[in-house]
Amino acid sequence: MTAKTPARWEGLTCTQRRIKDFTLDDNLSNLETTPRPSRRHEPVASAGALEFLPIEILHEVFHQLDLRSLTYLRLVNRHTIELVNGLPQFSDVIRHAFNALRGILVIGTGSCIS
């Protein structure tokens, strides 16, 4: 067999690998430039209808959400940041594995982790 690919296989083979494997290697530059969030001001806006639910029910609902949804919920306003950060498991992740959380979100796998 020769080193040259036969003509009938040209359309069936790839000369270059184009694999998107969702690793941090391609996304590390985005991760390094993201500043760590800081909370300097108290919340001024309410959390809307979430205000009327007891914190225990909110925590049960938050337990059902994936990391991406929890992160999006934190983007609503300062009060929802406090509500989500009040979840003990999420606050532990923020405190001890913040870079891992950012990496998960950067490579797009946050919707797979709850």
PDB file of N, CA and C in Angstrom:
ATOM      1  N   MET A   1       0.847  -1.172   0.000  1.00  0.00           N
ATOM      2  CA  MET A   1       0.000   0.000   0.000  1.00  0.00           C
ATOM      3  C   MET A   1       0.895   1.238   0.000  1.00  0.00           C
ATOM      4  N   THR A   2       0.570   2.197  -0.765  1.00  0.00           N
ATOM      5  CA  THR A   2       1.389   3.401  -0.875  1.00  0.00           C
ATOM      6  C   THR A   2       0.993   4.414   0.188  1.00  0.00           C
ATOM      7  N   ALA A   3       1.851   5.422   0.390  1.00  0.00           N
ATOM      8  CA  ALA A   3       1.609   6.459   1.386  1.00  0.00           C
ATOM      9  C   ALA A   3       0.525   7.422   0.923  1.00  0.00           C
ATOM     10  N   LYS A   4       0.292   7.519  -0.364  1.00  0.00           N
ATOM     11  CA  LYS A   4      -0.720   8.424  -0.890  1.00  0.00           C
ATOM     12  C   LYS A   4      -2.098   7.793  -0.721  1.00  0.00           C
ATOM     13  N   THR A   5      -3.065   8.620  -0.319  1.00  0.00           N
ATOM     14  CA  THR A   5      -4.427   8.133  -0.127  1.00  0.00           C
ATOM     15  C   THR A   5      -5.083   7.889  -1.477  1.00  0.00           C
ATOM     16  N   PRO A   6      -5.709   6.756  -1.674  1.00  0.00           N
ATOM     17  CA  PRO A   6      -6.393   6.494  -2.935  1.00  0.00           C
ATOM     18  C   PRO A   6      -7.493   7.517  -3.186  1.00  0.00           C
ATOM     19  N   ALA A   7      -7.750   7.817  -4.433  1.00  0.00           N
ATOM     20  CA  ALA A   7      -8.718   8.842  -4.828  1.00  0.00           C
ATOM     21  C   ALA A   7     -10.117   8.537  -4.305  1.00  0.00           C
ATOM     22  N   ARG A   8     -10.483   7.279  -4.221  1.00  0.00           N
ATOM     23  CA  ARG A   8     -11.842   6.953  -3.777  1.00  0.00           C
ATOM     24  C   ARG A   8     -12.045   7.238  -2.286  1.00  0.00           C
ATOM     25  N   TRP A   9     -10.968   7.421  -1.524  1.00  0.00           N
ATOM     26  CA  TRP A   9     -11.075   7.693  -0.089  1.00  0.00           C
ATOM     27  C   TRP A   9     -10.948   9.181   0.245  1.00  0.00           C
ATOM     28  N   GLU A  10     -10.673  10.020  -0.730  1.00  0.00           N
ATOM     29  CA  GLU A  10     -10.428  11.439  -0.484  1.00  0.00           C
ATOM     30  C   GLU A  10     -11.584  12.111   0.252  1.00  0.00           C
ATOM     31  N   GLY A  11     -12.811  11.834  -0.125  1.00  0.00           N
ATOM     32  CA  GLY A  11     -13.959  12.463   0.528  1.00  0.00           C
ATOM     33  C   GLY A  11     -14.311  11.846   1.861  1.00  0.00           C
ATOM     34  N   LEU A  12     -13.719  10.710   2.182  1.00  0.00           N
ATOM     35  CA  LEU A  12     -14.053  10.005   3.412  1.00  0.00           C
ATOM     36  C   LEU A  12     -13.058  10.231   4.538  1.00  0.00           C
ATOM     37  N   THR A  13     -11.938  10.822   4.229  1.00  0.00           N
ATOM     38  CA  THR A  13     -10.918  11.017   5.252  1.00  0.00           C
ATOM     39  C   THR A  13     -10.694  12.494   5.536  1.00  0.00           C
ATOM     40  N   CYS A  14     -10.151  12.777   6.686  1.00  0.00           N
ATOM     41  CA  CYS A  14      -9.836  14.152   7.083  1.00  0.00           C
ATOM     42  C   CYS A  14      -8.325  14.307   7.137  1.00  0.00           C
ATOM     43  N   THR A  15      -7.860  15.397   6.597  1.00  0.00           N
ATOM     44  CA  THR A  15      -6.424  15.642   6.656  1.00  0.00           C
ATOM     45  C   THR A  15      -6.035  16.364   7.941  1.00  0.00           C
ATOM     46  N   GLN A  16      -6.983  17.057   8.565  1.00  0.00           N
ATOM     47  CA  GLN A  16      -6.722  17.751   9.821  1.00  0.00           C
ATOM     48  C   GLN A  16      -7.781  17.354  10.832  1.00  0.00           C
ATOM     49  N   ARG A  17      -7.358  17.332  12.094  1.00  0.00           N
ATOM     50  CA  ARG A  17      -8.316  17.047  13.167  1.00  0.00           C
ATOM     51  C   ARG A  17      -8.987  18.340  13.591  1.00  0.00           C
ATOM     52  N   ARG A  18     -10.285  18.351  13.586  1.00  0.00           N
ATOM     53  CA  ARG A  18     -11.038  19.519  14.044  1.00  0.00           C
ATOM     54  C   ARG A  18     -11.938  19.090  15.195  1.00  0.00           C
ATOM     55  N   ILE A  19     -11.333  18.827  16.301  1.00  0.00           N
ATOM     56  CA  ILE A  19     -12.065  18.337  17.455  1.00  0.00           C
ATOM     57  C   ILE A  19     -12.240  19.477  18.451  1.00  0.00           C
ATOM     58  N   LYS A  20     -13.474  19.716  18.837  1.00  0.00           N
ATOM     59  CA  LYS A  20     -13.737  20.668  19.911  1.00  0.00           C
ATOM     60  C   LYS A  20     -14.015  19.828  21.144  1.00  0.00           C
ATOM     61  N   ASP A  21     -13.026  19.707  21.995  1.00  0.00           N
ATOM     62  CA  ASP A  21     -13.158  18.814  23.134  1.00  0.00           C
ATOM     63  C   ASP A  21     -13.453  19.540  24.441  1.00  0.00           C
ATOM     64  N   PHE A  22     -13.782  20.837  24.369  1.00  0.00           N
ATOM     65  CA  PHE A  22     -14.186  21.617  25.525  1.00  0.00           C
ATOM     66  C   PHE A  22     -13.161  21.580  26.658  1.00  0.00           C
ATOM     67  N   THR A  23     -11.902  21.741  26.318  1.00  0.00           N
ATOM     68  CA  THR A  23     -10.872  21.799  27.349  1.00  0.00           C
ATOM     69  C   THR A  23     -10.540  23.251  27.649  1.00  0.00           C
ATOM     70  N   LEU A  24      -9.841  23.466  28.744  1.00  0.00           N
ATOM     71  CA  LEU A  24      -9.461  24.820  29.123  1.00  0.00           C
ATOM     72  C   LEU A  24      -8.336  25.375  28.268  1.00  0.00           C
ATOM     73  N   ASP A  25      -7.629  24.526  27.543  1.00  0.00           N
ATOM     74  CA  ASP A  25      -6.501  25.001  26.740  1.00  0.00           C
ATOM     75  C   ASP A  25      -6.921  26.108  25.782  1.00  0.00           C
ATOM     76  N   ASP A  26      -8.050  25.935  25.102  1.00  0.00           N
ATOM     77  CA  ASP A  26      -8.514  26.939  24.153  1.00  0.00           C
ATOM     78  C   ASP A  26      -9.172  28.125  24.844  1.00  0.00           C
ATOM     79  N   ASN A  27      -9.626  27.951  26.069  1.00  0.00           N
ATOM     80  CA  ASN A  27     -10.397  28.970  26.754  1.00  0.00           C
ATOM     81  C   ASN A  27      -9.666  29.599  27.928  1.00  0.00           C
ATOM     82  N   LEU A  28      -8.442  29.233  28.155  1.00  0.00           N
ATOM     83  CA  LEU A  28      -7.713  29.704  29.330  1.00  0.00           C
ATOM     84  C   LEU A  28      -7.512  31.208  29.315  1.00  0.00           C
ATOM     85  N   SER A  29      -7.321  31.801  28.160  1.00  0.00           N
ATOM     86  CA  SER A  29      -7.135  33.250  28.113  1.00  0.00           C
ATOM     87  C   SER A  29      -8.380  33.965  28.600  1.00  0.00           C
ATOM     88  N   ASN A  30      -9.570  33.457  28.271  1.00  0.00           N
ATOM     89  CA  ASN A  30     -10.804  34.055  28.767  1.00  0.00           C
ATOM     90  C   ASN A  30     -10.899  33.931  30.278  1.00  0.00           C
ATOM     91  N   LEU A  31     -10.445  32.828  30.799  1.00  0.00           N
ATOM     92  CA  LEU A  31     -10.519  32.567  32.226  1.00  0.00           C
ATOM     93  C   LEU A  31      -9.595  33.477  33.009  1.00  0.00           C
ATOM     94  N   GLU A  32      -8.410  33.710  32.507  1.00  0.00           N
ATOM     95  CA  GLU A  32      -7.433  34.501  33.244  1.00  0.00           C
ATOM     96  C   GLU A  32      -7.788  35.978  33.316  1.00  0.00           C
ATOM     97  N   THR A  33      -8.547  36.495  32.358  1.00  0.00           N
ATOM     98  CA  THR A  33      -8.873  37.914  32.348  1.00  0.00           C
ATOM     99  C   THR A  33     -10.143  38.228  33.122  1.00  0.00           C
ATOM    100  N   THR A  34     -10.857  37.220  33.597  1.00  0.00           N
ATOM    101  CA  THR A  34     -12.095  37.457  34.320  1.00  0.00           C
ATOM    102  C   THR A  34     -11.785  37.828  35.764  1.00  0.00           C
ATOM    103  N   PRO A  35     -12.201  39.024  36.205  1.00  0.00           N
ATOM    104  CA  PRO A  35     -11.915  39.406  37.588  1.00  0.00           C
ATOM    105  C   PRO A  35     -12.844  38.673  38.559  1.00  0.00           C
ATOM    106  N   ARG A  36     -12.376  38.487  39.761  1.00  0.00           N
ATOM    107  CA  ARG A  36     -13.205  37.860  40.790  1.00  0.00           C
ATOM    108  C   ARG A  36     -14.249  38.872  41.255  1.00  0.00           C
ATOM    109  N   PRO A  37     -15.511  38.447  41.315  1.00  0.00           N
ATOM    110  CA  PRO A  37     -16.556  39.408  41.685  1.00  0.00           C
ATOM    111  C   PRO A  37     -16.430  39.827  43.144  1.00  0.00           C
ATOM    112  N   SER A  38     -16.808  41.055  43.390  1.00  0.00           N
ATOM    113  CA  SER A  38     -16.804  41.541  44.764  1.00  0.00           C
ATOM    114  C   SER A  38     -18.160  42.172  45.063  1.00  0.00           C
ATOM    115  N   ARG A  39     -18.591  42.026  46.290  1.00  0.00           N
ATOM    116  CA  ARG A  39     -19.857  42.609  46.712  1.00  0.00           C
ATOM    117  C   ARG A  39     -19.535  43.772  47.644  1.00  0.00           C
ATOM    118  N   ARG A  40     -19.763  44.975  47.174  1.00  0.00           N
ATOM    119  CA  ARG A  40     -19.444  46.147  47.981  1.00  0.00           C
ATOM    120  C   ARG A  40     -20.689  46.839  48.495  1.00  0.00           C
ATOM    121  N   HIS A  41     -21.800  46.693  47.814  1.00  0.00           N
ATOM    122  CA  HIS A  41     -23.008  47.427  48.170  1.00  0.00           C
ATOM    123  C   HIS A  41     -24.112  46.457  48.580  1.00  0.00           C
ATOM    124  N   GLU A  42     -24.956  46.927  49.445  1.00  0.00           N
ATOM    125  CA  GLU A  42     -26.109  46.144  49.849  1.00  0.00           C
ATOM    126  C   GLU A  42     -27.145  46.158  48.723  1.00  0.00           C
ATOM    127  N   PRO A  43     -27.963  45.105  48.626  1.00  0.00           N
ATOM    128  CA  PRO A  43     -28.983  45.063  47.581  1.00  0.00           C
ATOM    129  C   PRO A  43     -30.007  46.181  47.763  1.00  0.00           C
ATOM    130  N   VAL A  44     -30.386  46.812  46.670  1.00  0.00           N
ATOM    131  CA  VAL A  44     -31.418  47.847  46.727  1.00  0.00           C
ATOM    132  C   VAL A  44     -32.702  47.374  46.038  1.00  0.00           C
ATOM    133  N   ALA A  45     -32.587  46.492  45.073  1.00  0.00           N
ATOM    134  CA  ALA A  45     -33.771  45.965  44.380  1.00  0.00           C
ATOM    135  C   ALA A  45     -34.188  44.657  45.035  1.00  0.00           C
ATOM    136  N   SER A  46     -35.460  44.335  44.903  1.00  0.00           N
ATOM    137  CA  SER A  46     -35.953  43.086  45.484  1.00  0.00           C
ATOM    138  C   SER A  46     -35.759  41.944  44.490  1.00  0.00           C
ATOM    139  N   ALA A  47     -36.016  40.752  44.960  1.00  0.00           N
ATOM    140  CA  ALA A  47     -35.922  39.569  44.099  1.00  0.00           C
ATOM    141  C   ALA A  47     -37.269  39.245  43.468  1.00  0.00           C
ATOM    142  N   GLY A  48     -38.207  40.180  43.531  1.00  0.00           N
ATOM    143  CA  GLY A  48     -39.512  39.980  42.910  1.00  0.00           C
ATOM    144  C   GLY A  48     -40.347  38.957  43.658  1.00  0.00           C
ATOM    145  N   ALA A  49     -40.936  38.030  42.925  1.00  0.00           N
ATOM    146  CA  ALA A  49     -41.806  37.017  43.524  1.00  0.00           C
ATOM    147  C   ALA A  49     -41.036  36.066  44.444  1.00  0.00           C
ATOM    148  N   LEU A  50     -39.736  35.965  44.254  1.00  0.00           N
ATOM    149  CA  LEU A  50     -38.930  35.103  45.125  1.00  0.00           C
ATOM    150  C   LEU A  50     -38.902  35.607  46.567  1.00  0.00           C
ATOM    151  N   GLU A  51     -39.185  36.890  46.760  1.00  0.00           N
ATOM    152  CA  GLU A  51     -39.191  37.474  48.098  1.00  0.00           C
ATOM    153  C   GLU A  51     -40.234  36.839  49.009  1.00  0.00           C
ATOM    154  N   PHE A  52     -41.322  36.348  48.415  1.00  0.00           N
ATOM    155  CA  PHE A  52     -42.437  35.844  49.211  1.00  0.00           C
ATOM    156  C   PHE A  52     -42.261  34.393  49.636  1.00  0.00           C
ATOM    157  N   LEU A  53     -41.276  33.713  49.073  1.00  0.00           N
ATOM    158  CA  LEU A  53     -41.052  32.316  49.428  1.00  0.00           C
ATOM    159  C   LEU A  53     -40.087  32.211  50.599  1.00  0.00           C
ATOM    160  N   PRO A  54     -40.310  31.254  51.494  1.00  0.00           N
ATOM    161  CA  PRO A  54     -39.348  31.037  52.591  1.00  0.00           C
ATOM    162  C   PRO A  54     -37.998  30.579  52.027  1.00  0.00           C
ATOM    163  N   ILE A  55     -36.951  30.899  52.735  1.00  0.00           N
ATOM    164  CA  ILE A  55     -35.597  30.573  52.277  1.00  0.00           C
ATOM    165  C   ILE A  55     -35.405  29.069  52.121  1.00  0.00           C
ATOM    166  N   GLU A  56     -36.086  28.280  52.935  1.00  0.00           N
ATOM    167  CA  GLU A  56     -35.971  26.823  52.832  1.00  0.00           C
ATOM    168  C   GLU A  56     -36.491  26.319  51.491  1.00  0.00           C
ATOM    169  N   ILE A  57     -37.606  26.896  51.032  1.00  0.00           N
ATOM    170  CA  ILE A  57     -38.165  26.497  49.726  1.00  0.00           C
ATOM    171  C   ILE A  57     -37.246  26.964  48.605  1.00  0.00           C
ATOM    172  N   LEU A  58     -36.711  28.171  48.739  1.00  0.00           N
ATOM    173  CA  LEU A  58     -35.771  28.663  47.724  1.00  0.00           C
ATOM    174  C   LEU A  58     -34.554  27.758  47.626  1.00  0.00           C
ATOM    175  N   HIS A  59     -34.035  27.321  48.744  1.00  0.00           N
ATOM    176  CA  HIS A  59     -32.878  26.424  48.714  1.00  0.00           C
ATOM    177  C   HIS A  59     -33.226  25.096  48.064  1.00  0.00           C
ATOM    178  N   GLU A  60     -34.430  24.592  48.292  1.00  0.00           N
ATOM    179  CA  GLU A  60     -34.852  23.355  47.626  1.00  0.00           C
ATOM    180  C   GLU A  60     -34.930  23.550  46.113  1.00  0.00           C
ATOM    181  N   VAL A  61     -35.438  24.701  45.690  1.00  0.00           N
ATOM    182  CA  VAL A  61     -35.502  25.002  44.252  1.00  0.00           C
ATOM    183  C   VAL A  61     -34.102  25.155  43.688  1.00  0.00           C
ATOM    184  N   PHE A  62     -33.234  25.857  44.403  1.00  0.00           N
ATOM    185  CA  PHE A  62     -31.866  26.071  43.930  1.00  0.00           C
ATOM    186  C   PHE A  62     -31.093  24.763  43.814  1.00  0.00           C
ATOM    187  N   HIS A  63     -31.410  23.798  44.675  1.00  0.00           N
ATOM    188  CA  HIS A  63     -30.746  22.491  44.593  1.00  0.00           C
ATOM    189  C   HIS A  63     -31.062  21.784  43.277  1.00  0.00           C
ATOM    190  N   GLN A  64     -32.192  22.100  42.665  1.00  0.00           N
ATOM    191  CA  GLN A  64     -32.589  21.454  41.418  1.00  0.00           C
ATOM    192  C   GLN A  64     -31.950  22.106  40.192  1.00  0.00           C
ATOM    193  N   LEU A  65     -31.361  23.279  40.360  1.00  0.00           N
ATOM    194  CA  LEU A  65     -30.784  24.015  39.228  1.00  0.00           C
ATOM    195  C   LEU A  65     -29.348  23.573  38.957  1.00  0.00           C
ATOM    196  N   ASP A  66     -28.937  23.684  37.697  1.00  0.00           N
ATOM    197  CA  ASP A  66     -27.542  23.403  37.357  1.00  0.00           C
ATOM    198  C   ASP A  66     -26.691  24.641  37.625  1.00  0.00           C
ATOM    199  N   LEU A  67     -25.382  24.481  37.523  1.00  0.00           N
ATOM    200  CA  LEU A  67     -24.461  25.583  37.832  1.00  0.00           C
ATOM    201  C   LEU A  67     -24.662  26.785  36.923  1.00  0.00           C
ATOM    202  N   ARG A  68     -24.927  26.546  35.653  1.00  0.00           N
ATOM    203  CA  ARG A  68     -25.132  27.657  34.729  1.00  0.00           C
ATOM    204  C   ARG A  68     -26.377  28.447  35.112  1.00  0.00           C
ATOM    205  N   SER A  69     -27.457  27.759  35.464  1.00  0.00           N
ATOM    206  CA  SER A  69     -28.689  28.448  35.846  1.00  0.00           C
ATOM    207  C   SER A  69     -28.508  29.234  37.141  1.00  0.00           C
ATOM    208  N   LEU A  70     -27.798  28.653  38.102  1.00  0.00           N
ATOM    209  CA  LEU A  70     -27.521  29.380  39.340  1.00  0.00           C
ATOM    210  C   LEU A  70     -26.692  30.631  39.073  1.00  0.00           C
ATOM    211  N   THR A  71     -25.735  30.508  38.182  1.00  0.00           N
ATOM    212  CA  THR A  71     -24.900  31.654  37.837  1.00  0.00           C
ATOM    213  C   THR A  71     -25.717  32.721  37.123  1.00  0.00           C
ATOM    214  N   TYR A  72     -26.603  32.317  36.216  1.00  0.00           N
ATOM    215  CA  TYR A  72     -27.480  33.284  35.546  1.00  0.00           C
ATOM    216  C   TYR A  72     -28.426  33.952  36.537  1.00  0.00           C
ATOM    217  N   LEU A  73     -28.916  33.188  37.503  1.00  0.00           N
ATOM    218  CA  LEU A  73     -29.792  33.764  38.519  1.00  0.00           C
ATOM    219  C   LEU A  73     -29.044  34.816  39.326  1.00  0.00           C
ATOM    220  N   ARG A  74     -27.777  34.590  39.582  1.00  0.00           N
ATOM    221  CA  ARG A  74     -26.973  35.574  40.307  1.00  0.00           C
ATOM    222  C   ARG A  74     -26.813  36.872  39.522  1.00  0.00           C
ATOM    223  N   LEU A  75     -26.954  36.822  38.204  1.00  0.00           N
ATOM    224  CA  LEU A  75     -26.777  38.015  37.379  1.00  0.00           C
ATOM    225  C   LEU A  75     -27.981  38.957  37.393  1.00  0.00           C
ATOM    226  N   VAL A  76     -29.084  38.528  38.000  1.00  0.00           N
ATOM    227  CA  VAL A  76     -30.298  39.342  37.975  1.00  0.00           C
ATOM    228  C   VAL A  76     -30.097  40.644  38.741  1.00  0.00           C
ATOM    229  N   ASN A  77     -29.718  40.547  40.005  1.00  0.00           N
ATOM    230  CA  ASN A  77     -29.431  41.738  40.802  1.00  0.00           C
ATOM    231  C   ASN A  77     -28.675  41.334  42.068  1.00  0.00           C
ATOM    232  N   ARG A  78     -28.366  42.297  42.899  1.00  0.00           N
ATOM    233  CA  ARG A  78     -27.574  42.010  44.099  1.00  0.00           C
ATOM    234  C   ARG A  78     -28.325  41.129  45.094  1.00  0.00           C
ATOM    235  N   HIS A  79     -29.642  41.287  45.142  1.00  0.00           N
ATOM    236  CA  HIS A  79     -30.412  40.478  46.082  1.00  0.00           C
ATOM    237  C   HIS A  79     -30.385  39.000  45.698  1.00  0.00           C
ATOM    238  N   THR A  80     -30.468  38.708  44.402  1.00  0.00           N
ATOM    239  CA  THR A  80     -30.403  37.303  43.996  1.00  0.00           C
ATOM    240  C   THR A  80     -28.993  36.741  44.189  1.00  0.00           C
ATOM    241  N   ILE A  81     -27.988  37.594  44.117  1.00  0.00           N
ATOM    242  CA  ILE A  81     -26.627  37.141  44.455  1.00  0.00           C
ATOM    243  C   ILE A  81     -26.606  36.663  45.898  1.00  0.00           C
ATOM    244  N   GLU A  82     -27.199  37.450  46.788  1.00  0.00           N
ATOM    245  CA  GLU A  82     -27.228  37.070  48.200  1.00  0.00           C
ATOM    246  C   GLU A  82     -28.038  35.795  48.418  1.00  0.00           C
ATOM    247  N   LEU A  83     -29.147  35.643  47.680  1.00  0.00           N
ATOM    248  CA  LEU A  83     -29.961  34.430  47.831  1.00  0.00           C
ATOM    249  C   LEU A  83     -29.191  33.185  47.392  1.00  0.00           C
ATOM    250  N   VAL A  84     -28.545  33.268  46.233  1.00  0.00           N
ATOM    251  CA  VAL A  84     -27.807  32.103  45.731  1.00  0.00           C
ATOM    252  C   VAL A  84     -26.581  31.838  46.598  1.00  0.00           C
ATOM    253  N   ASN A  85     -25.889  32.886  47.008  1.00  0.00           N
ATOM    254  CA  ASN A  85     -24.718  32.696  47.866  1.00  0.00           C
ATOM    255  C   ASN A  85     -25.106  32.176  49.248  1.00  0.00           C
ATOM    256  N   GLY A  86     -26.370  32.340  49.618  1.00  0.00           N
ATOM    257  CA  GLY A  86     -26.853  31.794  50.885  1.00  0.00           C
ATOM    258  C   GLY A  86     -26.998  30.283  50.857  1.00  0.00           C
ATOM    259  N   LEU A  87     -26.955  29.707  49.672  1.00  0.00           N
ATOM    260  CA  LEU A  87     -26.990  28.253  49.540  1.00  0.00           C
ATOM    261  C   LEU A  87     -25.626  27.726  49.985  1.00  0.00           C
ATOM    262  N   PRO A  88     -25.571  26.915  51.046  1.00  0.00           N
ATOM    263  CA  PRO A  88     -24.265  26.517  51.599  1.00  0.00           C
ATOM    264  C   PRO A  88     -23.355  25.817  50.592  1.00  0.00           C
ATOM    265  N   GLN A  89     -23.894  24.943  49.761  1.00  0.00           N
ATOM    266  CA  GLN A  89     -23.065  24.218  48.800  1.00  0.00           C
ATOM    267  C   GLN A  89     -22.456  25.174  47.766  1.00  0.00           C
ATOM    268  N   PHE A  90     -23.255  26.118  47.285  1.00  0.00           N
ATOM    269  CA  PHE A  90     -22.756  27.048  46.279  1.00  0.00           C
ATOM    270  C   PHE A  90     -21.725  27.995  46.891  1.00  0.00           C
ATOM    271  N   SER A  91     -21.969  28.456  48.105  1.00  0.00           N
ATOM    272  CA  SER A  91     -20.990  29.354  48.726  1.00  0.00           C
ATOM    273  C   SER A  91     -19.672  28.633  49.004  1.00  0.00           C
ATOM    274  N   ASP A  92     -19.742  27.332  49.301  1.00  0.00           N
ATOM    275  CA  ASP A  92     -18.502  26.563  49.469  1.00  0.00           C
ATOM    276  C   ASP A  92     -17.729  26.456  48.160  1.00  0.00           C
ATOM    277  N   VAL A  93     -18.445  26.259  47.059  1.00  0.00           N
ATOM    278  CA  VAL A  93     -17.782  26.206  45.750  1.00  0.00           C
ATOM    279  C   VAL A  93     -17.149  27.547  45.428  1.00  0.00           C
ATOM    280  N   ILE A  94     -17.868  28.632  45.679  1.00  0.00           N
ATOM    281  CA  ILE A  94     -17.323  29.976  45.432  1.00  0.00           C
ATOM    282  C   ILE A  94     -16.071  30.206  46.278  1.00  0.00           C
ATOM    283  N   ARG A  95     -16.117  29.792  47.526  1.00  0.00           N
ATOM    284  CA  ARG A  95     -15.003  30.043  48.442  1.00  0.00           C
ATOM    285  C   ARG A  95     -13.787  29.173  48.150  1.00  0.00           C
ATOM    286  N   HIS A  96     -14.006  27.876  47.876  1.00  0.00           N
ATOM    287  CA  HIS A  96     -12.884  26.945  47.789  1.00  0.00           C
ATOM    288  C   HIS A  96     -12.492  26.545  46.364  1.00  0.00           C
ATOM    289  N   ALA A  97     -13.400  26.713  45.413  1.00  0.00           N
ATOM    290  CA  ALA A  97     -13.105  26.251  44.054  1.00  0.00           C
ATOM    291  C   ALA A  97     -13.615  27.241  43.011  1.00  0.00           C
ATOM    292  N   PHE A  98     -13.356  28.519  43.256  1.00  0.00           N
ATOM    293  CA  PHE A  98     -13.866  29.548  42.349  1.00  0.00           C
ATOM    294  C   PHE A  98     -13.305  29.390  40.936  1.00  0.00           C
ATOM    295  N   ASN A  99     -12.018  29.101  40.814  1.00  0.00           N
ATOM    296  CA  ASN A  99     -11.426  28.931  39.487  1.00  0.00           C
ATOM    297  C   ASN A  99     -11.989  27.702  38.775  1.00  0.00           C
ATOM    298  N   ALA A 100     -12.275  26.656  39.528  1.00  0.00           N
ATOM    299  CA  ALA A 100     -12.892  25.471  38.919  1.00  0.00           C
ATOM    300  C   ALA A 100     -14.285  25.806  38.398  1.00  0.00           C
ATOM    301  N   LEU A 101     -15.048  26.602  39.162  1.00  0.00           N
ATOM    302  CA  LEU A 101     -16.372  27.024  38.705  1.00  0.00           C
ATOM    303  C   LEU A 101     -16.263  27.859  37.440  1.00  0.00           C
ATOM    304  N   ARG A 102     -15.332  28.792  37.406  1.00  0.00           N
ATOM    305  CA  ARG A 102     -15.149  29.602  36.200  1.00  0.00           C
ATOM    306  C   ARG A 102     -14.743  28.736  35.016  1.00  0.00           C
ATOM    307  N   GLY A 103     -13.872  27.757  35.260  1.00  0.00           N
ATOM    308  CA  GLY A 103     -13.470  26.854  34.183  1.00  0.00           C
ATOM    309  C   GLY A 103     -14.650  26.064  33.641  1.00  0.00           C
ATOM    310  N   ILE A 104     -15.501  25.575  34.531  1.00  0.00           N
ATOM    311  CA  ILE A 104     -16.695  24.835  34.111  1.00  0.00           C
ATOM    312  C   ILE A 104     -17.580  25.706  33.240  1.00  0.00           C
ATOM    313  N   LEU A 105     -17.758  26.955  33.637  1.00  0.00           N
ATOM    314  CA  LEU A 105     -18.618  27.851  32.867  1.00  0.00           C
ATOM    315  C   LEU A 105     -17.983  28.258  31.541  1.00  0.00           C
ATOM    316  N   VAL A 106     -16.664  28.433  31.527  1.00  0.00           N
ATOM    317  CA  VAL A 106     -15.984  28.846  30.300  1.00  0.00           C
ATOM    318  C   VAL A 106     -16.056  27.756  29.231  1.00  0.00           C
ATOM    319  N   ILE A 107     -15.889  26.500  29.633  1.00  0.00           N
ATOM    320  CA  ILE A 107     -15.897  25.435  28.627  1.00  0.00           C
ATOM    321  C   ILE A 107     -17.310  24.953  28.308  1.00  0.00           C
ATOM    322  N   GLY A 108     -18.312  25.550  28.959  1.00  0.00           N
ATOM    323  CA  GLY A 108     -19.697  25.289  28.586  1.00  0.00           C
ATOM    324  C   GLY A 108     -20.306  24.016  29.152  1.00  0.00           C
ATOM    325  N   THR A 109     -19.784  23.524  30.256  1.00  0.00           N
ATOM    326  CA  THR A 109     -20.351  22.305  30.835  1.00  0.00           C
ATOM    327  C   THR A 109     -21.157  22.586  32.098  1.00  0.00           C
ATOM    328  N   GLY A 110     -21.423  23.851  32.392  1.00  0.00           N
ATOM    329  CA  GLY A 110     -22.179  24.206  33.584  1.00  0.00           C
ATOM    330  C   GLY A 110     -23.605  23.699  33.576  1.00  0.00           C
ATOM    331  N   SER A 111     -24.166  23.498  32.396  1.00  0.00           N
ATOM    332  CA  SER A 111     -25.545  22.998  32.330  1.00  0.00           C
ATOM    333  C   SER A 111     -25.621  21.508  32.620  1.00  0.00           C
ATOM    334  N   CYS A 112     -24.496  20.841  32.677  1.00  0.00           N
ATOM    335  CA  CYS A 112     -24.470  19.393  32.943  1.00  0.00           C
ATOM    336  C   CYS A 112     -24.220  19.066  34.405  1.00  0.00           C
ATOM    337  N   ILE A 113     -23.925  20.074  35.212  1.00  0.00           N
ATOM    338  CA  ILE A 113     -23.563  19.849  36.616  1.00  0.00           C
ATOM    339  C   ILE A 113     -24.589  20.524  37.500  1.00  0.00           C
ATOM    340  N   SER A 114     -25.187  19.758  38.385  1.00  0.00           N
ATOM    341  CA  SER A 114     -26.163  20.355  39.312  1.00  0.00           C
ATOM    342  C   SER A 114     -25.723  20.145  40.736  1.00  0.00           C
TER     343      SER A 114
END
